[in-house]
N, C-alpha and C. Protein backbone atom coordinates (compact mmCIF):
# COMPACT_ATOMS: atom_id res chain seq x y z
N MET A 1 55.47 -137.71 13.72
CA MET A 1 56.78 -138.05 13.24
C MET A 1 57.48 -136.76 12.80
N CYS A 2 58.73 -136.64 13.15
CA CYS A 2 59.49 -135.44 12.81
C CYS A 2 59.68 -135.35 11.31
N PRO A 3 59.79 -134.13 10.78
CA PRO A 3 59.90 -133.98 9.33
C PRO A 3 61.21 -134.54 8.81
N LYS A 4 61.13 -135.09 7.63
CA LYS A 4 62.32 -135.58 6.96
C LYS A 4 62.87 -134.44 6.11
N ARG A 5 64.00 -134.66 5.51
CA ARG A 5 64.63 -133.58 4.74
C ARG A 5 63.73 -133.06 3.64
N SER A 6 62.98 -133.95 2.98
CA SER A 6 62.10 -133.48 1.91
C SER A 6 61.02 -132.56 2.46
N GLU A 7 60.50 -132.87 3.67
CA GLU A 7 59.50 -132.00 4.28
C GLU A 7 60.12 -130.67 4.68
N GLN A 8 61.40 -130.69 5.09
CA GLN A 8 62.07 -129.45 5.44
C GLN A 8 62.25 -128.58 4.20
N ARG A 9 62.46 -129.21 3.03
CA ARG A 9 62.55 -128.44 1.80
C ARG A 9 61.22 -127.78 1.49
N VAL A 10 60.12 -128.49 1.77
CA VAL A 10 58.78 -127.92 1.58
C VAL A 10 58.64 -126.69 2.45
N GLU A 11 59.09 -126.79 3.72
CA GLU A 11 59.00 -125.65 4.61
C GLU A 11 59.79 -124.47 4.06
N ALA A 12 60.96 -124.75 3.48
CA ALA A 12 61.76 -123.68 2.90
C ALA A 12 61.03 -123.04 1.72
N LYS A 13 60.33 -123.86 0.91
CA LYS A 13 59.57 -123.33 -0.22
C LYS A 13 58.40 -122.48 0.25
N LEU A 14 57.90 -122.76 1.46
CA LEU A 14 56.76 -122.00 1.98
C LEU A 14 57.19 -120.67 2.58
N GLY A 15 58.48 -120.36 2.52
CA GLY A 15 58.94 -119.07 3.01
C GLY A 15 59.49 -119.11 4.42
N ILE A 16 59.69 -120.30 4.95
CA ILE A 16 60.28 -120.41 6.27
C ILE A 16 61.79 -120.45 6.04
N GLU A 17 62.44 -119.37 6.34
CA GLU A 17 63.85 -119.26 6.05
C GLU A 17 64.67 -119.47 7.31
N SER A 18 65.85 -120.09 7.16
CA SER A 18 66.72 -120.18 8.30
C SER A 18 67.35 -118.81 8.50
N GLU A 19 67.49 -118.41 9.75
CA GLU A 19 68.01 -117.09 10.05
C GLU A 19 69.24 -117.22 10.93
N GLU A 20 70.01 -116.16 10.97
CA GLU A 20 71.13 -116.12 11.88
C GLU A 20 70.57 -116.12 13.30
N VAL A 21 71.41 -116.47 14.26
CA VAL A 21 70.96 -116.50 15.64
C VAL A 21 70.53 -115.10 16.06
N ILE A 22 69.32 -115.01 16.55
CA ILE A 22 68.80 -113.74 17.03
C ILE A 22 68.38 -113.92 18.47
N SER A 23 68.40 -112.83 19.23
CA SER A 23 68.14 -112.95 20.66
C SER A 23 66.67 -112.82 21.01
N GLU A 24 65.81 -112.43 20.06
CA GLU A 24 64.40 -112.28 20.39
C GLU A 24 63.70 -113.64 20.41
N ASN A 25 62.63 -113.70 21.16
CA ASN A 25 61.85 -114.94 21.24
C ASN A 25 61.01 -115.09 19.98
N ARG A 26 61.07 -116.25 19.37
CA ARG A 26 60.28 -116.58 18.18
C ARG A 26 59.57 -117.90 18.44
N TRP A 27 58.56 -118.17 17.63
CA TRP A 27 57.85 -119.44 17.72
C TRP A 27 58.61 -120.50 16.92
N TYR A 28 58.70 -121.70 17.49
CA TYR A 28 59.33 -122.84 16.83
C TYR A 28 58.46 -124.07 17.06
N ALA A 29 58.57 -125.04 16.15
CA ALA A 29 57.88 -126.31 16.32
C ALA A 29 58.84 -127.31 16.95
N LEU A 30 58.34 -128.03 17.94
CA LEU A 30 59.13 -129.06 18.61
C LEU A 30 58.56 -130.42 18.25
N CYS A 31 59.42 -131.35 17.84
CA CYS A 31 59.00 -132.73 17.64
C CYS A 31 58.95 -133.40 19.01
N THR A 32 57.89 -134.15 19.25
CA THR A 32 57.76 -134.83 20.53
C THR A 32 57.68 -136.34 20.33
N ARG A 33 57.88 -137.05 21.42
CA ARG A 33 57.65 -138.48 21.38
C ARG A 33 56.16 -138.71 21.15
N SER A 34 55.83 -139.85 20.64
CA SER A 34 54.43 -140.18 20.36
C SER A 34 53.56 -140.05 21.61
N ARG A 35 52.46 -139.31 21.48
CA ARG A 35 51.48 -139.09 22.54
C ARG A 35 52.04 -138.40 23.78
N HIS A 36 53.07 -137.58 23.60
CA HIS A 36 53.65 -136.82 24.70
C HIS A 36 53.37 -135.32 24.59
N GLU A 37 52.52 -134.93 23.64
CA GLU A 37 52.32 -133.51 23.36
C GLU A 37 51.81 -132.75 24.59
N LYS A 38 50.81 -133.27 25.27
CA LYS A 38 50.22 -132.56 26.41
C LYS A 38 51.21 -132.48 27.57
N LYS A 39 51.97 -133.54 27.79
CA LYS A 39 52.98 -133.52 28.87
C LYS A 39 54.08 -132.50 28.57
N VAL A 40 54.54 -132.47 27.32
CA VAL A 40 55.58 -131.52 26.93
C VAL A 40 55.06 -130.09 27.10
N ALA A 41 53.83 -129.83 26.66
CA ALA A 41 53.26 -128.49 26.78
C ALA A 41 53.17 -128.08 28.25
N ALA A 42 52.78 -128.99 29.12
CA ALA A 42 52.66 -128.68 30.55
C ALA A 42 54.02 -128.37 31.17
N VAL A 43 55.04 -129.14 30.83
CA VAL A 43 56.38 -128.91 31.38
C VAL A 43 56.94 -127.58 30.86
N LEU A 44 56.75 -127.30 29.56
CA LEU A 44 57.21 -126.02 29.01
C LEU A 44 56.56 -124.86 29.75
N SER A 45 55.27 -124.95 29.97
CA SER A 45 54.55 -123.90 30.69
C SER A 45 55.09 -123.75 32.12
N ASP A 46 55.31 -124.87 32.80
CA ASP A 46 55.84 -124.84 34.16
C ASP A 46 57.23 -124.19 34.21
N ARG A 47 58.00 -124.35 33.15
CA ARG A 47 59.35 -123.79 33.09
C ARG A 47 59.37 -122.35 32.57
N GLY A 48 58.20 -121.78 32.33
CA GLY A 48 58.11 -120.38 31.96
C GLY A 48 58.15 -120.07 30.48
N PHE A 49 58.06 -121.08 29.64
CA PHE A 49 58.05 -120.85 28.19
C PHE A 49 56.62 -120.67 27.71
N ASP A 50 56.45 -119.79 26.70
CA ASP A 50 55.16 -119.70 26.03
C ASP A 50 55.03 -120.95 25.16
N GLU A 51 53.93 -121.67 25.31
CA GLU A 51 53.72 -122.85 24.49
C GLU A 51 52.32 -122.80 23.92
N TYR A 52 52.14 -123.47 22.80
CA TYR A 52 50.82 -123.57 22.20
C TYR A 52 50.67 -124.96 21.61
N LEU A 53 49.69 -125.67 22.12
CA LEU A 53 49.35 -126.99 21.62
C LEU A 53 47.93 -126.91 21.08
N PRO A 54 47.78 -126.75 19.75
CA PRO A 54 46.44 -126.66 19.19
C PRO A 54 45.70 -127.99 19.37
N LEU A 55 44.58 -127.94 20.09
CA LEU A 55 43.79 -129.14 20.37
C LEU A 55 42.41 -129.01 19.74
N ILE A 56 41.91 -130.13 19.22
CA ILE A 56 40.56 -130.17 18.70
C ILE A 56 39.82 -131.32 19.37
N SER A 57 38.52 -131.13 19.53
CA SER A 57 37.69 -132.13 20.19
C SER A 57 37.25 -133.18 19.18
N ARG A 58 37.44 -134.44 19.53
CA ARG A 58 37.02 -135.55 18.68
C ARG A 58 36.29 -136.58 19.52
N GLU A 59 35.38 -137.25 18.87
CA GLU A 59 34.66 -138.32 19.55
C GLU A 59 35.48 -139.59 19.45
N SER A 60 35.63 -140.27 20.58
CA SER A 60 36.42 -141.49 20.63
C SER A 60 35.56 -142.62 21.16
N GLN A 61 35.70 -143.80 20.57
CA GLN A 61 34.93 -144.96 21.00
C GLN A 61 35.72 -145.71 22.06
N TRP A 62 35.13 -145.82 23.23
CA TRP A 62 35.70 -146.61 24.29
C TRP A 62 34.99 -147.95 24.29
N HIS A 63 35.44 -148.87 25.10
CA HIS A 63 34.85 -150.21 25.09
C HIS A 63 33.36 -150.19 25.46
N ASP A 64 32.94 -149.26 26.30
CA ASP A 64 31.55 -149.24 26.74
C ASP A 64 30.79 -147.95 26.41
N ARG A 65 31.46 -146.96 25.83
CA ARG A 65 30.79 -145.69 25.55
C ARG A 65 31.61 -144.86 24.55
N ARG A 66 30.99 -143.80 24.09
CA ARG A 66 31.68 -142.82 23.25
C ARG A 66 31.96 -141.60 24.11
N LYS A 67 33.13 -140.99 23.88
CA LYS A 67 33.53 -139.85 24.69
C LYS A 67 34.25 -138.83 23.81
N ARG A 68 34.05 -137.54 24.11
CA ARG A 68 34.75 -136.47 23.41
C ARG A 68 36.09 -136.24 24.11
N ILE A 69 37.15 -136.24 23.31
CA ILE A 69 38.51 -136.10 23.84
C ILE A 69 39.23 -135.01 23.04
N LEU A 70 40.10 -134.25 23.69
CA LEU A 70 40.91 -133.25 23.00
C LEU A 70 42.17 -133.93 22.44
N TRP A 71 42.34 -133.81 21.12
CA TRP A 71 43.48 -134.39 20.43
C TRP A 71 44.30 -133.28 19.79
N PRO A 72 45.63 -133.46 19.69
CA PRO A 72 46.46 -132.46 19.01
C PRO A 72 46.09 -132.34 17.54
N LEU A 73 46.01 -131.11 17.05
CA LEU A 73 45.75 -130.88 15.63
C LEU A 73 46.92 -131.40 14.80
N PHE A 74 48.14 -131.22 15.33
CA PHE A 74 49.34 -131.71 14.66
C PHE A 74 50.01 -132.73 15.58
N PRO A 75 49.62 -134.02 15.47
CA PRO A 75 50.21 -135.03 16.36
C PRO A 75 51.73 -135.06 16.23
N GLY A 76 52.40 -135.13 17.39
CA GLY A 76 53.85 -135.20 17.41
C GLY A 76 54.54 -133.86 17.47
N TYR A 77 53.78 -132.77 17.57
CA TYR A 77 54.37 -131.43 17.59
C TYR A 77 53.75 -130.56 18.68
N VAL A 78 54.58 -129.72 19.27
CA VAL A 78 54.16 -128.66 20.19
C VAL A 78 54.85 -127.40 19.71
N LEU A 79 54.16 -126.28 19.74
CA LEU A 79 54.74 -125.00 19.36
C LEU A 79 55.19 -124.27 20.61
N ALA A 80 56.36 -123.66 20.56
CA ALA A 80 56.88 -122.95 21.73
C ALA A 80 57.61 -121.69 21.29
N ARG A 81 57.55 -120.67 22.16
CA ARG A 81 58.25 -119.42 21.89
C ARG A 81 59.47 -119.35 22.81
N PHE A 82 60.64 -119.20 22.18
CA PHE A 82 61.88 -119.09 22.94
C PHE A 82 62.95 -118.49 22.05
N SER A 83 64.05 -118.10 22.66
CA SER A 83 65.17 -117.56 21.88
C SER A 83 66.08 -118.72 21.49
N PRO A 84 66.86 -118.57 20.43
CA PRO A 84 67.76 -119.65 20.01
C PRO A 84 68.73 -120.07 21.12
N GLU A 85 69.08 -119.13 22.00
CA GLU A 85 69.98 -119.47 23.10
C GLU A 85 69.33 -120.44 24.09
N GLU A 86 68.00 -120.46 24.12
CA GLU A 86 67.28 -121.34 25.05
C GLU A 86 66.94 -122.69 24.43
N ALA A 87 67.35 -122.94 23.20
CA ALA A 87 67.00 -124.18 22.50
C ALA A 87 67.48 -125.41 23.27
N GLY A 88 68.65 -125.35 23.86
CA GLY A 88 69.17 -126.49 24.63
C GLY A 88 68.27 -126.83 25.80
N ALA A 89 67.79 -125.81 26.50
CA ALA A 89 66.90 -126.04 27.64
C ALA A 89 65.57 -126.62 27.18
N VAL A 90 65.09 -126.18 26.02
CA VAL A 90 63.81 -126.69 25.49
C VAL A 90 63.95 -128.14 25.06
N VAL A 91 65.04 -128.47 24.38
CA VAL A 91 65.25 -129.85 23.93
C VAL A 91 65.46 -130.78 25.13
N GLY A 92 65.89 -130.23 26.25
CA GLY A 92 66.06 -131.03 27.46
C GLY A 92 64.77 -131.38 28.18
N VAL A 93 63.65 -130.83 27.73
CA VAL A 93 62.36 -131.14 28.34
C VAL A 93 62.02 -132.60 28.03
N PRO A 94 61.63 -133.38 29.05
CA PRO A 94 61.27 -134.78 28.79
C PRO A 94 60.16 -134.88 27.74
N GLY A 95 60.39 -135.72 26.74
CA GLY A 95 59.42 -135.93 25.68
C GLY A 95 59.73 -135.15 24.41
N VAL A 96 60.61 -134.15 24.48
CA VAL A 96 60.99 -133.39 23.28
C VAL A 96 62.09 -134.15 22.56
N VAL A 97 61.90 -134.35 21.26
CA VAL A 97 62.90 -135.06 20.45
C VAL A 97 63.86 -134.06 19.82
N SER A 98 63.30 -133.00 19.21
CA SER A 98 64.14 -132.01 18.54
C SER A 98 63.32 -130.77 18.22
N VAL A 99 64.04 -129.73 17.79
CA VAL A 99 63.42 -128.53 17.26
C VAL A 99 63.41 -128.69 15.74
N VAL A 100 62.28 -128.42 15.09
CA VAL A 100 62.22 -128.53 13.63
C VAL A 100 63.18 -127.51 13.04
N SER A 101 64.06 -128.01 12.17
CA SER A 101 65.13 -127.17 11.61
C SER A 101 65.14 -127.23 10.10
N VAL A 102 65.71 -126.19 9.50
CA VAL A 102 65.95 -126.13 8.07
C VAL A 102 67.42 -125.80 7.91
N ALA A 103 68.13 -126.61 7.16
CA ALA A 103 69.56 -126.43 6.92
C ALA A 103 70.34 -126.33 8.23
N GLY A 104 69.94 -127.11 9.23
CA GLY A 104 70.66 -127.16 10.49
C GLY A 104 70.33 -126.07 11.48
N SER A 105 69.48 -125.13 11.12
CA SER A 105 69.10 -124.05 12.03
C SER A 105 67.62 -124.16 12.36
N PRO A 106 67.26 -123.87 13.62
CA PRO A 106 65.83 -123.91 13.97
C PRO A 106 65.03 -123.01 13.04
N ALA A 107 63.89 -123.53 12.56
CA ALA A 107 63.05 -122.81 11.60
C ALA A 107 61.96 -122.03 12.35
N PRO A 108 62.09 -120.70 12.41
CA PRO A 108 61.07 -119.92 13.12
C PRO A 108 59.73 -119.94 12.38
N ILE A 109 58.66 -119.88 13.15
CA ILE A 109 57.31 -119.84 12.60
C ILE A 109 56.81 -118.41 12.74
N PRO A 110 56.33 -117.81 11.67
CA PRO A 110 55.83 -116.43 11.76
C PRO A 110 54.64 -116.33 12.72
N GLU A 111 54.56 -115.21 13.42
CA GLU A 111 53.46 -114.94 14.35
C GLU A 111 52.11 -115.04 13.63
N SER A 112 52.08 -114.64 12.35
CA SER A 112 50.82 -114.70 11.58
C SER A 112 50.33 -116.13 11.41
N ASP A 113 51.26 -117.09 11.28
CA ASP A 113 50.87 -118.50 11.17
C ASP A 113 50.27 -119.00 12.48
N ILE A 114 50.84 -118.57 13.60
CA ILE A 114 50.31 -118.97 14.91
C ILE A 114 48.90 -118.40 15.07
N SER A 115 48.71 -117.13 14.73
CA SER A 115 47.39 -116.50 14.82
C SER A 115 46.39 -117.22 13.92
N ASN A 116 46.83 -117.61 12.74
CA ASN A 116 45.97 -118.31 11.80
C ASN A 116 45.52 -119.66 12.38
N ILE A 117 46.43 -120.40 12.98
CA ILE A 117 46.09 -121.70 13.58
C ILE A 117 45.15 -121.49 14.76
N ARG A 118 45.40 -120.46 15.57
CA ARG A 118 44.49 -120.17 16.69
C ARG A 118 43.07 -119.89 16.18
N ALA A 119 42.96 -119.13 15.09
CA ALA A 119 41.64 -118.83 14.51
C ALA A 119 40.98 -120.11 13.99
N LEU A 120 41.76 -120.98 13.36
CA LEU A 120 41.23 -122.24 12.85
C LEU A 120 40.69 -123.10 13.98
N VAL A 121 41.46 -123.22 15.07
CA VAL A 121 41.03 -124.04 16.20
C VAL A 121 39.77 -123.45 16.85
N ALA A 122 39.72 -122.13 16.97
CA ALA A 122 38.54 -121.48 17.55
C ALA A 122 37.31 -121.74 16.67
N ALA A 123 37.47 -121.64 15.36
CA ALA A 123 36.35 -121.90 14.44
C ALA A 123 35.93 -123.36 14.49
N ALA A 124 36.89 -124.27 14.58
CA ALA A 124 36.56 -125.70 14.67
C ALA A 124 35.78 -125.98 15.95
N ASP A 125 36.18 -125.35 17.06
CA ASP A 125 35.46 -125.53 18.33
C ASP A 125 34.04 -124.98 18.23
N ALA A 126 33.90 -123.82 17.60
CA ALA A 126 32.59 -123.18 17.49
C ALA A 126 31.64 -123.93 16.57
N THR A 127 32.16 -124.48 15.48
CA THR A 127 31.30 -125.14 14.49
C THR A 127 31.20 -126.64 14.67
N GLY A 128 32.17 -127.21 15.37
CA GLY A 128 32.18 -128.67 15.54
C GLY A 128 32.78 -129.41 14.37
N SER A 129 33.27 -128.69 13.35
CA SER A 129 33.91 -129.36 12.21
C SER A 129 35.32 -129.77 12.62
N LEU A 130 35.77 -130.89 12.08
CA LEU A 130 37.04 -131.46 12.48
C LEU A 130 38.06 -131.38 11.36
N PRO A 131 38.99 -130.42 11.42
CA PRO A 131 40.02 -130.37 10.39
C PRO A 131 41.02 -131.50 10.57
N GLU A 132 41.58 -131.96 9.48
CA GLU A 132 42.61 -132.99 9.50
C GLU A 132 43.92 -132.37 9.06
N SER A 133 45.03 -132.72 9.74
CA SER A 133 46.32 -132.19 9.31
C SER A 133 46.85 -133.06 8.17
N GLU A 134 47.64 -132.44 7.31
CA GLU A 134 48.23 -133.15 6.19
C GLU A 134 49.55 -132.51 5.82
N VAL A 135 50.37 -133.27 5.11
CA VAL A 135 51.63 -132.75 4.61
C VAL A 135 51.32 -131.85 3.42
N LEU A 136 51.94 -130.68 3.38
CA LEU A 136 51.74 -129.78 2.25
C LEU A 136 52.58 -130.27 1.08
N LEU A 137 51.92 -130.53 -0.02
CA LEU A 137 52.61 -131.01 -1.21
C LEU A 137 52.77 -129.87 -2.20
N GLU A 138 53.93 -129.82 -2.84
CA GLU A 138 54.25 -128.77 -3.80
C GLU A 138 54.54 -129.40 -5.16
N GLU A 139 54.35 -128.62 -6.21
CA GLU A 139 54.67 -129.07 -7.55
C GLU A 139 56.15 -129.44 -7.64
N GLY A 140 56.43 -130.52 -8.35
CA GLY A 140 57.80 -130.97 -8.54
C GLY A 140 58.28 -131.99 -7.53
N GLN A 141 57.51 -132.22 -6.47
CA GLN A 141 57.93 -133.20 -5.46
C GLN A 141 57.62 -134.62 -5.93
N ARG A 142 58.50 -135.54 -5.57
CA ARG A 142 58.24 -136.96 -5.83
C ARG A 142 57.40 -137.49 -4.68
N VAL A 143 56.30 -138.17 -5.02
CA VAL A 143 55.38 -138.68 -4.02
C VAL A 143 55.04 -140.13 -4.29
N GLU A 144 54.51 -140.78 -3.26
CA GLU A 144 54.02 -142.15 -3.36
C GLU A 144 52.61 -142.18 -2.80
N ILE A 145 51.71 -142.90 -3.48
CA ILE A 145 50.35 -143.08 -2.99
C ILE A 145 50.39 -144.10 -1.86
N ILE A 146 49.82 -143.73 -0.70
CA ILE A 146 49.91 -144.60 0.47
C ILE A 146 48.62 -145.34 0.80
N ARG A 147 47.52 -144.99 0.10
CA ARG A 147 46.28 -145.74 0.31
C ARG A 147 45.38 -145.58 -0.90
N GLY A 148 44.42 -146.48 -1.01
CA GLY A 148 43.51 -146.47 -2.13
C GLY A 148 43.94 -147.45 -3.21
N PRO A 149 43.23 -147.46 -4.34
CA PRO A 149 43.52 -148.44 -5.39
C PRO A 149 44.89 -148.27 -6.04
N PHE A 150 45.48 -147.08 -5.95
CA PHE A 150 46.79 -146.83 -6.55
C PHE A 150 47.92 -146.90 -5.53
N GLN A 151 47.68 -147.52 -4.38
CA GLN A 151 48.69 -147.61 -3.32
C GLN A 151 49.99 -148.18 -3.88
N GLY A 152 51.11 -147.51 -3.55
CA GLY A 152 52.43 -147.95 -3.99
C GLY A 152 52.91 -147.28 -5.27
N VAL A 153 52.02 -146.62 -6.00
CA VAL A 153 52.40 -145.93 -7.24
C VAL A 153 53.16 -144.66 -6.88
N ARG A 154 54.26 -144.42 -7.60
CA ARG A 154 55.08 -143.23 -7.37
C ARG A 154 55.06 -142.33 -8.59
N GLY A 155 55.19 -141.04 -8.34
CA GLY A 155 55.21 -140.09 -9.44
C GLY A 155 55.63 -138.72 -8.97
N ILE A 156 55.43 -137.73 -9.83
CA ILE A 156 55.82 -136.35 -9.54
C ILE A 156 54.57 -135.49 -9.54
N VAL A 157 54.43 -134.64 -8.52
CA VAL A 157 53.29 -133.73 -8.44
C VAL A 157 53.45 -132.67 -9.53
N ILE A 158 52.43 -132.55 -10.38
CA ILE A 158 52.49 -131.51 -11.41
C ILE A 158 51.49 -130.39 -11.16
N GLU A 159 50.51 -130.66 -10.27
CA GLU A 159 49.55 -129.60 -9.95
C GLU A 159 48.85 -129.94 -8.64
N ARG A 160 48.59 -128.90 -7.87
CA ARG A 160 47.81 -129.06 -6.65
C ARG A 160 46.59 -128.17 -6.77
N ARG A 161 45.41 -128.75 -6.61
CA ARG A 161 44.17 -128.00 -6.70
C ARG A 161 43.30 -128.39 -5.50
N GLY A 162 43.25 -127.51 -4.51
CA GLY A 162 42.47 -127.79 -3.31
C GLY A 162 43.02 -128.99 -2.57
N ALA A 163 42.15 -129.96 -2.30
CA ALA A 163 42.55 -131.15 -1.54
C ALA A 163 43.03 -132.26 -2.46
N ARG A 164 43.20 -131.98 -3.74
CA ARG A 164 43.61 -133.00 -4.69
C ARG A 164 44.92 -132.60 -5.38
N ILE A 165 45.67 -133.60 -5.78
CA ILE A 165 46.89 -133.35 -6.56
C ILE A 165 46.78 -134.10 -7.88
N THR A 166 47.44 -133.57 -8.87
CA THR A 166 47.60 -134.29 -10.13
C THR A 166 49.07 -134.66 -10.19
N MET A 167 49.32 -135.93 -10.40
CA MET A 167 50.70 -136.40 -10.46
C MET A 167 50.93 -137.09 -11.80
N GLN A 168 52.18 -137.11 -12.20
CA GLN A 168 52.55 -137.73 -13.46
C GLN A 168 53.35 -139.00 -13.14
N VAL A 169 52.93 -140.08 -13.77
CA VAL A 169 53.59 -141.36 -13.61
C VAL A 169 54.02 -141.80 -15.00
N GLY A 170 55.26 -142.18 -15.16
CA GLY A 170 55.67 -142.58 -16.50
C GLY A 170 57.07 -143.12 -16.59
N LEU A 171 57.51 -143.25 -17.82
CA LEU A 171 58.85 -143.73 -18.13
C LEU A 171 59.63 -142.61 -18.79
N SER A 172 60.61 -142.10 -18.09
CA SER A 172 61.37 -140.98 -18.63
C SER A 172 62.20 -141.40 -19.85
N ALA A 173 62.58 -142.67 -19.92
CA ALA A 173 63.40 -143.14 -21.03
C ALA A 173 62.68 -142.99 -22.37
N ILE A 174 61.36 -143.18 -22.39
CA ILE A 174 60.62 -143.04 -23.64
C ILE A 174 59.81 -141.74 -23.67
N ARG A 175 59.97 -140.94 -22.61
CA ARG A 175 59.31 -139.65 -22.50
C ARG A 175 57.79 -139.76 -22.65
N ARG A 176 57.22 -140.75 -21.98
CA ARG A 176 55.79 -140.95 -21.98
C ARG A 176 55.32 -141.18 -20.54
N GLY A 177 54.13 -140.66 -20.26
CA GLY A 177 53.58 -140.84 -18.93
C GLY A 177 52.08 -140.65 -18.93
N VAL A 178 51.49 -140.86 -17.79
CA VAL A 178 50.06 -140.65 -17.62
C VAL A 178 49.84 -139.75 -16.42
N ARG A 179 48.70 -139.05 -16.44
CA ARG A 179 48.33 -138.19 -15.32
C ARG A 179 47.38 -138.96 -14.42
N LEU A 180 47.54 -138.74 -13.15
CA LEU A 180 46.70 -139.41 -12.16
C LEU A 180 46.27 -138.37 -11.14
N GLU A 181 45.00 -138.26 -10.86
CA GLU A 181 44.50 -137.31 -9.87
C GLU A 181 44.06 -138.09 -8.64
N VAL A 182 44.60 -137.69 -7.47
CA VAL A 182 44.30 -138.37 -6.21
C VAL A 182 44.15 -137.34 -5.09
N PRO A 183 43.54 -137.72 -3.98
CA PRO A 183 43.50 -136.82 -2.84
C PRO A 183 44.92 -136.58 -2.30
N ALA A 184 45.22 -135.36 -1.94
CA ALA A 184 46.55 -135.04 -1.40
C ALA A 184 46.83 -135.84 -0.14
N SER A 185 45.79 -136.13 0.64
CA SER A 185 45.99 -136.87 1.88
C SER A 185 46.38 -138.32 1.64
N ALA A 186 46.24 -138.81 0.40
CA ALA A 186 46.60 -140.19 0.08
C ALA A 186 48.04 -140.30 -0.41
N ALA A 187 48.79 -139.20 -0.40
CA ALA A 187 50.16 -139.22 -0.91
C ALA A 187 51.15 -138.81 0.18
N ARG A 188 52.35 -139.33 0.07
CA ARG A 188 53.42 -138.91 0.98
C ARG A 188 54.64 -138.54 0.15
N VAL A 189 55.43 -137.62 0.67
CA VAL A 189 56.64 -137.16 -0.01
C VAL A 189 57.71 -138.23 0.13
N LEU A 190 58.41 -138.51 -0.97
CA LEU A 190 59.50 -139.48 -0.97
C LEU A 190 60.83 -138.79 -0.66
N GLU A 191 61.70 -139.50 0.01
CA GLU A 191 63.06 -139.01 0.25
C GLU A 191 63.79 -138.97 -1.08
N GLU A 192 64.62 -137.97 -1.24
CA GLU A 192 65.37 -137.86 -2.50
C GLU A 192 66.70 -138.53 -2.40
């Protein structure tokens, strides 16, 4: 699913800044239709664009057997290198929904982030460990618990420690609340 405005604000907090139009090729994230990542990557490659679709091997249960299948590390996204002038041609690729943007401008991804993801995928292939993608949560964001015993509870992230967040749930009118610690993967960012 393409990022919502709150997720785009998270990207801005992570140092992904919108830039003026530049003519050099940069990496960008493309939102794709559901389960169209491999097709989009193939068409981009055929059209001469540098593309990167991080894939990890997972075991899948079929009706009569188990099979290892390559799945996108970030479902719904393909990374591509192009200049801002080529954005129209990239969005015209069948299966591409949009270019991930911040404040209306395509949000470039630093080369170091691409290298980091490549290293992660290589390590996952070598070790067989399966990383899971998740939304990056930051302090001050309003979140909702989406699974577990506290499903439906909303609050504000006050601390992130590893794979867990501490959130505050309360009544601002009486200035009282409680702290709740949950896995970060069990929370989603709320629209403001």
